[in-house]
Amino acid sequence: MKYLKLIINNENKKRDVFFNKTELQIILNLYAKMVSGGEWKDYGLSISKKEISFNVYHRASEFPVYRITKNLKPKNKNQKYLIKDSKNQIIKNSGNIKDLIESIIWKKFKLVN
């Protein structure tokens, strides 16, 4: 008992489980710009073991128009951040969220009666 050694291994515990402050600020800046232009109306967050997504709605509808997703277990580093459409198809992916959001031309919605 004289030679006890305490070993702490925190490497496995340190995981991204949500958007960090910088990522969330970039997303919310985009959201504020689109809301002030009258193009986006609401948002929601979805969290699972594999991904976290910021869902954007044009109206109070069932499906999000866009999903800005952070992949928690990417197969390669270019698939860490994804933008998906309402059909859950990937529009674009990147390893950097700022470059990803700036590279997309966010379309205006036109209401059809």
PDB file of N, CA and C in Angstrom:
ATOM      1  N   MET A   1       0.823  -1.206   0.000  1.00  0.00           N
ATOM      2  CA  MET A   1       0.000   0.000   0.000  1.00  0.00           C
ATOM      3  C   MET A   1       0.857   1.256   0.000  1.00  0.00           C
ATOM      4  N   LYS A   2       2.118   1.089   0.153  1.00  0.00           N
ATOM      5  CA  LYS A   2       3.007   2.230   0.224  1.00  0.00           C
ATOM      6  C   LYS A   2       3.198   2.892  -1.145  1.00  0.00           C
ATOM      7  N   TYR A   3       3.065   2.123  -2.222  1.00  0.00           N
ATOM      8  CA  TYR A   3       3.360   2.643  -3.553  1.00  0.00           C
ATOM      9  C   TYR A   3       2.120   2.702  -4.448  1.00  0.00           C
ATOM     10  N   LEU A   4       1.083   3.353  -4.007  1.00  0.00           N
ATOM     11  CA  LEU A   4      -0.116   3.523  -4.821  1.00  0.00           C
ATOM     12  C   LEU A   4       0.119   4.605  -5.874  1.00  0.00           C
ATOM     13  N   LYS A   5      -0.393   4.351  -7.025  1.00  0.00           N
ATOM     14  CA  LYS A   5      -0.223   5.295  -8.116  1.00  0.00           C
ATOM     15  C   LYS A   5      -1.599   5.624  -8.699  1.00  0.00           C
ATOM     16  N   LEU A   6      -1.906   6.886  -8.795  1.00  0.00           N
ATOM     17  CA  LEU A   6      -3.177   7.335  -9.338  1.00  0.00           C
ATOM     18  C   LEU A   6      -2.993   7.657 -10.822  1.00  0.00           C
ATOM     19  N   ILE A   7      -3.764   6.991 -11.653  1.00  0.00           N
ATOM     20  CA  ILE A   7      -3.684   7.221 -13.093  1.00  0.00           C
ATOM     21  C   ILE A   7      -5.025   7.766 -13.559  1.00  0.00           C
ATOM     22  N   ILE A   8      -4.972   8.912 -14.203  1.00  0.00           N
ATOM     23  CA  ILE A   8      -6.188   9.526 -14.720  1.00  0.00           C
ATOM     24  C   ILE A   8      -6.080   9.579 -16.240  1.00  0.00           C
ATOM     25  N   ASN A   9      -7.052   8.990 -16.888  1.00  0.00           N
ATOM     26  CA  ASN A   9      -7.088   8.982 -18.345  1.00  0.00           C
ATOM     27  C   ASN A   9      -8.378   9.657 -18.791  1.00  0.00           C
ATOM     28  N   ASN A  10      -8.282  10.943 -19.127  1.00  0.00           N
ATOM     29  CA  ASN A  10      -9.460  11.705 -19.531  1.00  0.00           C
ATOM     30  C   ASN A  10      -9.595  11.833 -21.044  1.00  0.00           C
ATOM     31  N   GLU A  11      -8.729  11.209 -21.805  1.00  0.00           N
ATOM     32  CA  GLU A  11      -8.766  11.355 -23.252  1.00  0.00           C
ATOM     33  C   GLU A  11     -10.070  10.832 -23.847  1.00  0.00           C
ATOM     34  N   ASN A  12     -10.582   9.735 -23.331  1.00  0.00           N
ATOM     35  CA  ASN A  12     -11.816   9.164 -23.869  1.00  0.00           C
ATOM     36  C   ASN A  12     -13.053   9.973 -23.471  1.00  0.00           C
ATOM     37  N   LYS A  13     -12.986  10.692 -22.389  1.00  0.00           N
ATOM     38  CA  LYS A  13     -14.136  11.450 -21.893  1.00  0.00           C
ATOM     39  C   LYS A  13     -14.325  12.757 -22.653  1.00  0.00           C
ATOM     40  N   LYS A  14     -13.256  13.290 -23.243  1.00  0.00           N
ATOM     41  CA  LYS A  14     -13.325  14.584 -23.901  1.00  0.00           C
ATOM     42  C   LYS A  14     -13.868  14.417 -25.319  1.00  0.00           C
ATOM     43  N   ARG A  15     -15.145  14.724 -25.475  1.00  0.00           N
ATOM     44  CA  ARG A  15     -15.819  14.599 -26.768  1.00  0.00           C
ATOM     45  C   ARG A  15     -16.659  15.834 -27.009  1.00  0.00           C
ATOM     46  N   ASP A  16     -16.847  16.136 -28.287  1.00  0.00           N
ATOM     47  CA  ASP A  16     -17.787  17.195 -28.640  1.00  0.00           C
ATOM     48  C   ASP A  16     -19.187  16.614 -28.538  1.00  0.00           C
ATOM     49  N   VAL A  17     -19.999  17.187 -27.696  1.00  0.00           N
ATOM     50  CA  VAL A  17     -21.363  16.696 -27.553  1.00  0.00           C
ATOM     51  C   VAL A  17     -22.383  17.760 -27.941  1.00  0.00           C
ATOM     52  N   PHE A  18     -21.893  18.935 -28.353  1.00  0.00           N
ATOM     53  CA  PHE A  18     -22.782  20.010 -28.799  1.00  0.00           C
ATOM     54  C   PHE A  18     -21.955  20.974 -29.641  1.00  0.00           C
ATOM     55  N   PHE A  19     -22.601  21.978 -30.215  1.00  0.00           N
ATOM     56  CA  PHE A  19     -21.862  23.029 -30.900  1.00  0.00           C
ATOM     57  C   PHE A  19     -21.103  23.821 -29.849  1.00  0.00           C
ATOM     58  N   ASN A  20     -19.842  24.152 -30.139  1.00  0.00           N
ATOM     59  CA  ASN A  20     -19.129  25.003 -29.189  1.00  0.00           C
ATOM     60  C   ASN A  20     -19.562  26.458 -29.399  1.00  0.00           C
ATOM     61  N   LYS A  21     -19.055  27.358 -28.582  1.00  0.00           N
ATOM     62  CA  LYS A  21     -19.506  28.748 -28.586  1.00  0.00           C
ATOM     63  C   LYS A  21     -19.271  29.422 -29.943  1.00  0.00           C
ATOM     64  N   THR A  22     -18.121  29.202 -30.541  1.00  0.00           N
ATOM     65  CA  THR A  22     -17.796  29.824 -31.825  1.00  0.00           C
ATOM     66  C   THR A  22     -18.698  29.299 -32.935  1.00  0.00           C
ATOM     67  N   GLU A  23     -18.906  27.998 -32.970  1.00  0.00           N
ATOM     68  CA  GLU A  23     -19.779  27.396 -33.984  1.00  0.00           C
ATOM     69  C   GLU A  23     -21.202  27.921 -33.867  1.00  0.00           C
ATOM     70  N   LEU A  24     -21.703  27.958 -32.652  1.00  0.00           N
ATOM     71  CA  LEU A  24     -23.068  28.426 -32.420  1.00  0.00           C
ATOM     72  C   LEU A  24     -23.217  29.902 -32.771  1.00  0.00           C
ATOM     73  N   GLN A  25     -22.188  30.701 -32.515  1.00  0.00           N
ATOM     74  CA  GLN A  25     -22.229  32.120 -32.859  1.00  0.00           C
ATOM     75  C   GLN A  25     -22.305  32.304 -34.374  1.00  0.00           C
ATOM     76  N   ILE A  26     -21.562  31.532 -35.141  1.00  0.00           N
ATOM     77  CA  ILE A  26     -21.587  31.610 -36.599  1.00  0.00           C
ATOM     78  C   ILE A  26     -22.979  31.241 -37.118  1.00  0.00           C
ATOM     79  N   ILE A  27     -23.546  30.175 -36.574  1.00  0.00           N
ATOM     80  CA  ILE A  27     -24.877  29.730 -37.004  1.00  0.00           C
ATOM     81  C   ILE A  27     -25.948  30.757 -36.637  1.00  0.00           C
ATOM     82  N   LEU A  28     -25.887  31.274 -35.421  1.00  0.00           N
ATOM     83  CA  LEU A  28     -26.900  32.247 -34.987  1.00  0.00           C
ATOM     84  C   LEU A  28     -26.781  33.574 -35.727  1.00  0.00           C
ATOM     85  N   ASN A  29     -25.564  33.960 -36.135  1.00  0.00           N
ATOM     86  CA  ASN A  29     -25.406  35.173 -36.948  1.00  0.00           C
ATOM     87  C   ASN A  29     -26.102  34.994 -38.296  1.00  0.00           C
ATOM     88  N   LEU A  30     -25.928  33.833 -38.913  1.00  0.00           N
ATOM     89  CA  LEU A  30     -26.616  33.529 -40.167  1.00  0.00           C
ATOM     90  C   LEU A  30     -28.126  33.528 -39.951  1.00  0.00           C
ATOM     91  N   TYR A  31     -28.565  32.907 -38.877  1.00  0.00           N
ATOM     92  CA  TYR A  31     -29.996  32.826 -38.582  1.00  0.00           C
ATOM     93  C   TYR A  31     -30.593  34.228 -38.405  1.00  0.00           C
ATOM     94  N   ALA A  32     -29.907  35.100 -37.676  1.00  0.00           N
ATOM     95  CA  ALA A  32     -30.394  36.467 -37.455  1.00  0.00           C
ATOM     96  C   ALA A  32     -30.502  37.229 -38.771  1.00  0.00           C
ATOM     97  N   LYS A  33     -29.525  37.040 -39.648  1.00  0.00           N
ATOM     98  CA  LYS A  33     -29.551  37.704 -40.951  1.00  0.00           C
ATOM     99  C   LYS A  33     -30.735  37.230 -41.789  1.00  0.00           C
ATOM    100  N   MET A  34     -30.991  35.940 -41.777  1.00  0.00           N
ATOM    101  CA  MET A  34     -32.080  35.384 -42.577  1.00  0.00           C
ATOM    102  C   MET A  34     -33.452  35.730 -41.986  1.00  0.00           C
ATOM    103  N   VAL A  35     -33.562  35.803 -40.668  1.00  0.00           N
ATOM    104  CA  VAL A  35     -34.827  36.193 -40.025  1.00  0.00           C
ATOM    105  C   VAL A  35     -35.120  37.660 -40.314  1.00  0.00           C
ATOM    106  N   SER A  36     -34.095  38.507 -40.240  1.00  0.00           N
ATOM    107  CA  SER A  36     -34.325  39.935 -40.505  1.00  0.00           C
ATOM    108  C   SER A  36     -34.715  40.170 -41.961  1.00  0.00           C
ATOM    109  N   GLY A  37     -34.316  39.280 -42.862  1.00  0.00           N
ATOM    110  CA  GLY A  37     -34.730  39.367 -44.252  1.00  0.00           C
ATOM    111  C   GLY A  37     -36.093  38.743 -44.501  1.00  0.00           C
ATOM    112  N   GLY A  38     -36.689  38.149 -43.477  1.00  0.00           N
ATOM    113  CA  GLY A  38     -38.014  37.559 -43.588  1.00  0.00           C
ATOM    114  C   GLY A  38     -38.027  36.192 -44.263  1.00  0.00           C
ATOM    115  N   GLU A  39     -36.878  35.550 -44.353  1.00  0.00           N
ATOM    116  CA  GLU A  39     -36.787  34.282 -45.072  1.00  0.00           C
ATOM    117  C   GLU A  39     -36.922  33.068 -44.157  1.00  0.00           C
ATOM    118  N   TRP A  40     -36.403  33.162 -42.957  1.00  0.00           N
ATOM    119  CA  TRP A  40     -36.530  32.059 -42.010  1.00  0.00           C
ATOM    120  C   TRP A  40     -37.413  32.514 -40.858  1.00  0.00           C
ATOM    121  N   LYS A  41     -38.172  31.582 -40.300  1.00  0.00           N
ATOM    122  CA  LYS A  41     -39.129  31.946 -39.251  1.00  0.00           C
ATOM    123  C   LYS A  41     -38.841  31.303 -37.899  1.00  0.00           C
ATOM    124  N   ASP A  42     -38.312  30.091 -37.907  1.00  0.00           N
ATOM    125  CA  ASP A  42     -38.157  29.360 -36.650  1.00  0.00           C
ATOM    126  C   ASP A  42     -36.969  28.420 -36.754  1.00  0.00           C
ATOM    127  N   TYR A  43     -36.507  27.937 -35.616  1.00  0.00           N
ATOM    128  CA  TYR A  43     -35.426  26.959 -35.603  1.00  0.00           C
ATOM    129  C   TYR A  43     -35.659  25.950 -34.491  1.00  0.00           C
ATOM    130  N   GLY A  44     -34.942  24.861 -34.573  1.00  0.00           N
ATOM    131  CA  GLY A  44     -34.979  23.837 -33.538  1.00  0.00           C
ATOM    132  C   GLY A  44     -33.645  23.124 -33.513  1.00  0.00           C
ATOM    133  N   LEU A  45     -33.378  22.440 -32.436  1.00  0.00           N
ATOM    134  CA  LEU A  45     -32.141  21.683 -32.299  1.00  0.00           C
ATOM    135  C   LEU A  45     -32.467  20.200 -32.165  1.00  0.00           C
ATOM    136  N   SER A  46     -31.689  19.379 -32.847  1.00  0.00           N
ATOM    137  CA  SER A  46     -31.831  17.926 -32.732  1.00  0.00           C
ATOM    138  C   SER A  46     -30.495  17.367 -32.272  1.00  0.00           C
ATOM    139  N   ILE A  47     -30.557  16.496 -31.288  1.00  0.00           N
ATOM    140  CA  ILE A  47     -29.339  15.921 -30.735  1.00  0.00           C
ATOM    141  C   ILE A  47     -29.474  14.404 -30.719  1.00  0.00           C
ATOM    142  N   SER A  48     -28.478  13.720 -31.252  1.00  0.00           N
ATOM    143  CA  SER A  48     -28.421  12.261 -31.195  1.00  0.00           C
ATOM    144  C   SER A  48     -26.980  11.852 -30.888  1.00  0.00           C
ATOM    145  N   LYS A  49     -26.727  10.576 -30.819  1.00  0.00           N
ATOM    146  CA  LYS A  49     -25.375  10.100 -30.535  1.00  0.00           C
ATOM    147  C   LYS A  49     -24.426  10.349 -31.694  1.00  0.00           C
ATOM    148  N   LYS A  50     -24.963  10.403 -32.924  1.00  0.00           N
ATOM    149  CA  LYS A  50     -24.124  10.565 -34.107  1.00  0.00           C
ATOM    150  C   LYS A  50     -23.975  12.001 -34.574  1.00  0.00           C
ATOM    151  N   GLU A  51     -25.012  12.829 -34.351  1.00  0.00           N
ATOM    152  CA  GLU A  51     -24.958  14.190 -34.870  1.00  0.00           C
ATOM    153  C   GLU A  51     -25.810  15.155 -34.058  1.00  0.00           C
ATOM    154  N   ILE A  52     -25.469  16.425 -34.237  1.00  0.00           N
ATOM    155  CA  ILE A  52     -26.232  17.524 -33.657  1.00  0.00           C
ATOM    156  C   ILE A  52     -26.622  18.409 -34.821  1.00  0.00           C
ATOM    157  N   SER A  53     -27.868  18.834 -34.868  1.00  0.00           N
ATOM    158  CA  SER A  53     -28.245  19.680 -35.993  1.00  0.00           C
ATOM    159  C   SER A  53     -29.068  20.880 -35.548  1.00  0.00           C
ATOM    160  N   PHE A  54     -28.822  21.970 -36.245  1.00  0.00           N
ATOM    161  CA  PHE A  54     -29.572  23.209 -36.087  1.00  0.00           C
ATOM    162  C   PHE A  54     -30.554  23.216 -37.248  1.00  0.00           C
ATOM    163  N   ASN A  55     -31.836  23.027 -36.963  1.00  0.00           N
ATOM    164  CA  ASN A  55     -32.864  22.897 -37.987  1.00  0.00           C
ATOM    165  C   ASN A  55     -33.547  24.240 -38.216  1.00  0.00           C
ATOM    166  N   VAL A  56     -33.688  24.616 -39.478  1.00  0.00           N
ATOM    167  CA  VAL A  56     -34.283  25.896 -39.845  1.00  0.00           C
ATOM    168  C   VAL A  56     -35.619  25.639 -40.532  1.00  0.00           C
ATOM    169  N   TYR A  57     -36.634  26.383 -40.101  1.00  0.00           N
ATOM    170  CA  TYR A  57     -37.975  26.241 -40.650  1.00  0.00           C
ATOM    171  C   TYR A  57     -38.399  27.544 -41.318  1.00  0.00           C
ATOM    172  N   HIS A  58     -39.087  27.414 -42.444  1.00  0.00           N
ATOM    173  CA  HIS A  58     -39.633  28.598 -43.109  1.00  0.00           C
ATOM    174  C   HIS A  58     -40.991  28.954 -42.507  1.00  0.00           C
ATOM    175  N   ARG A  59     -41.749  27.961 -42.171  1.00  0.00           N
ATOM    176  CA  ARG A  59     -43.035  28.120 -41.479  1.00  0.00           C
ATOM    177  C   ARG A  59     -43.071  27.089 -40.365  1.00  0.00           C
ATOM    178  N   ALA A  60     -44.128  27.119 -39.606  1.00  0.00           N
ATOM    179  CA  ALA A  60     -44.290  26.094 -38.580  1.00  0.00           C
ATOM    180  C   ALA A  60     -44.707  24.813 -39.295  1.00  0.00           C
ATOM    181  N   SER A  61     -43.753  24.131 -39.843  1.00  0.00           N
ATOM    182  CA  SER A  61     -44.052  22.924 -40.615  1.00  0.00           C
ATOM    183  C   SER A  61     -43.430  21.709 -39.957  1.00  0.00           C
ATOM    184  N   GLU A  62     -43.691  20.596 -40.547  1.00  0.00           N
ATOM    185  CA  GLU A  62     -43.231  19.333 -39.990  1.00  0.00           C
ATOM    186  C   GLU A  62     -41.739  19.095 -40.220  1.00  0.00           C
ATOM    187  N   PHE A  63     -41.253  19.514 -41.383  1.00  0.00           N
ATOM    188  CA  PHE A  63     -39.874  19.225 -41.758  1.00  0.00           C
ATOM    189  C   PHE A  63     -39.048  20.502 -41.863  1.00  0.00           C
ATOM    190  N   PRO A  64     -37.795  20.465 -41.423  1.00  0.00           N
ATOM    191  CA  PRO A  64     -36.946  21.651 -41.570  1.00  0.00           C
ATOM    192  C   PRO A  64     -36.552  21.867 -43.029  1.00  0.00           C
ATOM    193  N   VAL A  65     -36.397  23.125 -43.402  1.00  0.00           N
ATOM    194  CA  VAL A  65     -35.977  23.475 -44.751  1.00  0.00           C
ATOM    195  C   VAL A  65     -34.491  23.203 -44.919  1.00  0.00           C
ATOM    196  N   TYR A  66     -33.699  23.593 -43.912  1.00  0.00           N
ATOM    197  CA  TYR A  66     -32.262  23.330 -43.894  1.00  0.00           C
ATOM    198  C   TYR A  66     -31.883  22.742 -42.551  1.00  0.00           C
ATOM    199  N   ARG A  67     -30.837  21.915 -42.564  1.00  0.00           N
ATOM    200  CA  ARG A  67     -30.263  21.385 -41.337  1.00  0.00           C
ATOM    201  C   ARG A  67     -28.767  21.619 -41.382  1.00  0.00           C
ATOM    202  N   ILE A  68     -28.259  22.411 -40.454  1.00  0.00           N
ATOM    203  CA  ILE A  68     -26.818  22.610 -40.315  1.00  0.00           C
ATOM    204  C   ILE A  68     -26.370  21.609 -39.265  1.00  0.00           C
ATOM    205  N   THR A  69     -25.576  20.637 -39.692  1.00  0.00           N
ATOM    206  CA  THR A  69     -25.287  19.469 -38.867  1.00  0.00           C
ATOM    207  C   THR A  69     -23.813  19.367 -38.519  1.00  0.00           C
ATOM    208  N   LYS A  70     -23.560  18.984 -37.284  1.00  0.00           N
ATOM    209  CA  LYS A  70     -22.208  18.654 -36.839  1.00  0.00           C
ATOM    210  C   LYS A  70     -22.179  17.150 -36.624  1.00  0.00           C
ATOM    211  N   ASN A  71     -21.378  16.479 -37.414  1.00  0.00           N
ATOM    212  CA  ASN A  71     -21.248  15.030 -37.341  1.00  0.00           C
ATOM    213  C   ASN A  71     -20.268  14.687 -36.224  1.00  0.00           C
ATOM    214  N   LEU A  72     -20.704  13.970 -35.206  1.00  0.00           N
ATOM    215  CA  LEU A  72     -19.843  13.656 -34.067  1.00  0.00           C
ATOM    216  C   LEU A  72     -18.875  12.515 -34.363  1.00  0.00           C
ATOM    217  N   LYS A  73     -19.201  11.679 -35.331  1.00  0.00           N
ATOM    218  CA  LYS A  73     -18.331  10.565 -35.693  1.00  0.00           C
ATOM    219  C   LYS A  73     -18.093  10.571 -37.208  1.00  0.00           C
ATOM    220  N   PRO A  74     -17.365  11.596 -37.713  1.00  0.00           N
ATOM    221  CA  PRO A  74     -17.164  11.668 -39.162  1.00  0.00           C
ATOM    222  C   PRO A  74     -16.196  10.592 -39.657  1.00  0.00           C
ATOM    223  N   LYS A  75     -16.440  10.116 -40.876  1.00  0.00           N
ATOM    224  CA  LYS A  75     -15.552   9.126 -41.478  1.00  0.00           C
ATOM    225  C   LYS A  75     -14.274   9.782 -41.979  1.00  0.00           C
ATOM    226  N   ASN A  76     -14.379  11.025 -42.443  1.00  0.00           N
ATOM    227  CA  ASN A  76     -13.193  11.813 -42.756  1.00  0.00           C
ATOM    228  C   ASN A  76     -13.444  13.253 -42.329  1.00  0.00           C
ATOM    229  N   LYS A  77     -12.394  14.055 -42.294  1.00  0.00           N
ATOM    230  CA  LYS A  77     -12.529  15.389 -41.707  1.00  0.00           C
ATOM    231  C   LYS A  77     -13.371  16.343 -42.545  1.00  0.00           C
ATOM    232  N   ASN A  78     -13.600  16.042 -43.828  1.00  0.00           N
ATOM    233  CA  ASN A  78     -14.460  16.888 -44.652  1.00  0.00           C
ATOM    234  C   ASN A  78     -15.937  16.658 -44.381  1.00  0.00           C
ATOM    235  N   GLN A  79     -16.272  15.669 -43.606  1.00  0.00           N
ATOM    236  CA  GLN A  79     -17.673  15.389 -43.306  1.00  0.00           C
ATOM    237  C   GLN A  79     -18.042  15.763 -41.878  1.00  0.00           C
ATOM    238  N   LYS A  80     -17.265  16.639 -41.249  1.00  0.00           N
ATOM    239  CA  LYS A  80     -17.588  17.034 -39.878  1.00  0.00           C
ATOM    240  C   LYS A  80     -18.819  17.938 -39.836  1.00  0.00           C
ATOM    241  N   TYR A  81     -18.931  18.873 -40.792  1.00  0.00           N
ATOM    242  CA  TYR A  81     -20.078  19.784 -40.851  1.00  0.00           C
ATOM    243  C   TYR A  81     -20.802  19.559 -42.172  1.00  0.00           C
ATOM    244  N   LEU A  82     -22.120  19.466 -42.099  1.00  0.00           N
ATOM    245  CA  LEU A  82     -22.935  19.200 -43.279  1.00  0.00           C
ATOM    246  C   LEU A  82     -24.106  20.168 -43.314  1.00  0.00           C
ATOM    247  N   ILE A  83     -24.536  20.506 -44.520  1.00  0.00           N
ATOM    248  CA  ILE A  83     -25.797  21.227 -44.691  1.00  0.00           C
ATOM    249  C   ILE A  83     -26.690  20.318 -45.507  1.00  0.00           C
ATOM    250  N   LYS A  84     -27.869  20.028 -44.944  1.00  0.00           N
ATOM    251  CA  LYS A  84     -28.818  19.130 -45.600  1.00  0.00           C
ATOM    252  C   LYS A  84     -30.082  19.892 -45.939  1.00  0.00           C
ATOM    253  N   ASP A  85     -30.785  19.434 -46.970  1.00  0.00           N
ATOM    254  CA  ASP A  85     -32.035  20.074 -47.366  1.00  0.00           C
ATOM    255  C   ASP A  85     -33.221  19.381 -46.702  1.00  0.00           C
ATOM    256  N   SER A  86     -34.425  19.749 -47.134  1.00  0.00           N
ATOM    257  CA  SER A  86     -35.636  19.210 -46.514  1.00  0.00           C
ATOM    258  C   SER A  86     -35.815  17.718 -46.770  1.00  0.00           C
ATOM    259  N   LYS A  87     -35.162  17.192 -47.793  1.00  0.00           N
ATOM    260  CA  LYS A  87     -35.237  15.761 -48.092  1.00  0.00           C
ATOM    261  C   LYS A  87     -34.093  14.986 -47.460  1.00  0.00           C
ATOM    262  N   ASN A  88     -33.348  15.644 -46.579  1.00  0.00           N
ATOM    263  CA  ASN A  88     -32.222  15.063 -45.849  1.00  0.00           C
ATOM    264  C   ASN A  88     -31.057  14.676 -46.773  1.00  0.00           C
ATOM    265  N   GLN A  89     -30.961  15.349 -47.911  1.00  0.00           N
ATOM    266  CA  GLN A  89     -29.836  15.131 -48.817  1.00  0.00           C
ATOM    267  C   GLN A  89     -28.771  16.175 -48.535  1.00  0.00           C
ATOM    268  N   ILE A  90     -27.515  15.770 -48.619  1.00  0.00           N
ATOM    269  CA  ILE A  90     -26.403  16.665 -48.311  1.00  0.00           C
ATOM    270  C   ILE A  90     -26.232  17.672 -49.444  1.00  0.00           C
ATOM    271  N   ILE A  91     -26.305  18.954 -49.109  1.00  0.00           N
ATOM    272  CA  ILE A  91     -26.072  20.024 -50.077  1.00  0.00           C
ATOM    273  C   ILE A  91     -24.573  20.264 -50.193  1.00  0.00           C
ATOM    274  N   LYS A  92     -23.917  20.371 -49.043  1.00  0.00           N
ATOM    275  CA  LYS A  92     -22.484  20.625 -49.023  1.00  0.00           C
ATOM    276  C   LYS A  92     -21.918  20.146 -47.697  1.00  0.00           C
ATOM    277  N   ASN A  93     -20.633  19.787 -47.698  1.00  0.00           N
ATOM    278  CA  ASN A  93     -19.966  19.390 -46.465  1.00  0.00           C
ATOM    279  C   ASN A  93     -18.586  20.035 -46.407  1.00  0.00           C
ATOM    280  N   SER A  94     -18.052  20.127 -45.194  1.00  0.00           N
ATOM    281  CA  SER A  94     -16.756  20.766 -44.996  1.00  0.00           C
ATOM    282  C   SER A  94     -16.208  20.393 -43.621  1.00  0.00           C
ATOM    283  N   GLY A  95     -14.940  20.675 -43.437  1.00  0.00           N
ATOM    284  CA  GLY A  95     -14.313  20.477 -42.141  1.00  0.00           C
ATOM    285  C   GLY A  95     -14.357  21.729 -41.291  1.00  0.00           C
ATOM    286  N   ASN A  96     -14.765  22.865 -41.892  1.00  0.00           N
ATOM    287  CA  ASN A  96     -14.809  24.144 -41.200  1.00  0.00           C
ATOM    288  C   ASN A  96     -16.199  24.757 -41.381  1.00  0.00           C
ATOM    289  N   ILE A  97     -16.865  25.043 -40.289  1.00  0.00           N
ATOM    290  CA  ILE A  97     -18.247  25.529 -40.371  1.00  0.00           C
ATOM    291  C   ILE A  97     -18.343  26.931 -40.952  1.00  0.00           C
ATOM    292  N   LYS A  98     -17.378  27.781 -40.668  1.00  0.00           N
ATOM    293  CA  LYS A  98     -17.415  29.149 -41.191  1.00  0.00           C
ATOM    294  C   LYS A  98     -17.306  29.146 -42.713  1.00  0.00           C
ATOM    295  N   ASP A  99     -16.367  28.381 -43.259  1.00  0.00           N
ATOM    296  CA  ASP A  99     -16.219  28.285 -44.714  1.00  0.00           C
ATOM    297  C   ASP A  99     -17.453  27.660 -45.353  1.00  0.00           C
ATOM    298  N   LEU A 100     -18.035  26.691 -44.672  1.00  0.00           N
ATOM    299  CA  LEU A 100     -19.225  26.019 -45.185  1.00  0.00           C
ATOM    300  C   LEU A 100     -20.399  26.978 -45.321  1.00  0.00           C
ATOM    301  N   ILE A 101     -20.663  27.745 -44.289  1.00  0.00           N
ATOM    302  CA  ILE A 101     -21.798  28.667 -44.292  1.00  0.00           C
ATOM    303  C   ILE A 101     -21.577  29.806 -45.276  1.00  0.00           C
ATOM    304  N   GLU A 102     -20.333  30.286 -45.389  1.00  0.00           N
ATOM    305  CA  GLU A 102     -20.050  31.385 -46.314  1.00  0.00           C
ATOM    306  C   GLU A 102     -20.077  30.929 -47.772  1.00  0.00           C
ATOM    307  N   SER A 103     -19.885  29.652 -48.028  1.00  0.00           N
ATOM    308  CA  SER A 103     -19.846  29.170 -49.408  1.00  0.00           C
ATOM    309  C   SER A 103     -21.232  28.901 -50.000  1.00  0.00           C
ATOM    310  N   ILE A 104     -22.245  28.869 -49.156  1.00  0.00           N
ATOM    311  CA  ILE A 104     -23.611  28.604 -49.620  1.00  0.00           C
ATOM    312  C   ILE A 104     -24.305  29.918 -49.969  1.00  0.00           C
ATOM    313  N   ILE A 105     -25.010  29.921 -51.088  1.00  0.00           N
ATOM    314  CA  ILE A 105     -25.875  31.052 -51.431  1.00  0.00           C
ATOM    315  C   ILE A 105     -27.264  30.682 -50.922  1.00  0.00           C
ATOM    316  N   TRP A 106     -27.675  31.335 -49.865  1.00  0.00           N
ATOM    317  CA  TRP A 106     -28.952  31.016 -49.232  1.00  0.00           C
ATOM    318  C   TRP A 106     -30.069  31.638 -50.050  1.00  0.00           C
ATOM    319  N   LYS A 107     -30.900  30.785 -50.660  1.00  0.00           N
ATOM    320  CA  LYS A 107     -31.952  31.260 -51.553  1.00  0.00           C
ATOM    321  C   LYS A 107     -33.105  31.882 -50.787  1.00  0.00           C
ATOM    322  N   LYS A 108     -33.749  32.783 -51.484  1.00  0.00           N
ATOM    323  CA  LYS A 108     -34.970  33.358 -50.929  1.00  0.00           C
ATOM    324  C   LYS A 108     -36.123  32.431 -51.284  1.00  0.00           C
ATOM    325  N   PHE A 109     -37.077  32.342 -50.401  1.00  0.00           N
ATOM    326  CA  PHE A 109     -38.247  31.517 -50.640  1.00  0.00           C
ATOM    327  C   PHE A 109     -39.299  32.338 -51.358  1.00  0.00           C
ATOM    328  N   LYS A 110     -39.974  31.714 -52.274  1.00  0.00           N
ATOM    329  CA  LYS A 110     -41.094  32.359 -52.954  1.00  0.00           C
ATOM    330  C   LYS A 110     -42.331  31.541 -52.653  1.00  0.00           C
ATOM    331  N   LEU A 111     -43.332  32.189 -52.107  1.00  0.00           N
ATOM    332  CA  LEU A 111     -44.561  31.490 -51.756  1.00  0.00           C
ATOM    333  C   LEU A 111     -45.425  31.335 -53.008  1.00  0.00           C
ATOM    334  N   VAL A 112     -45.909  30.142 -53.212  1.00  0.00           N
ATOM    335  CA  VAL A 112     -46.754  29.856 -54.359  1.00  0.00           C
ATOM    336  C   VAL A 112     -48.135  29.486 -53.830  1.00  0.00           C
ATOM    337  N   ASN A 113     -49.149  30.133 -54.354  1.00  0.00           N
ATOM    338  CA  ASN A 113     -50.527  29.842 -53.918  1.00  0.00           C
ATOM    339  C   ASN A 113     -51.165  28.829 -54.827  1.00  0.00           C
TER     340      ASN A 113
END
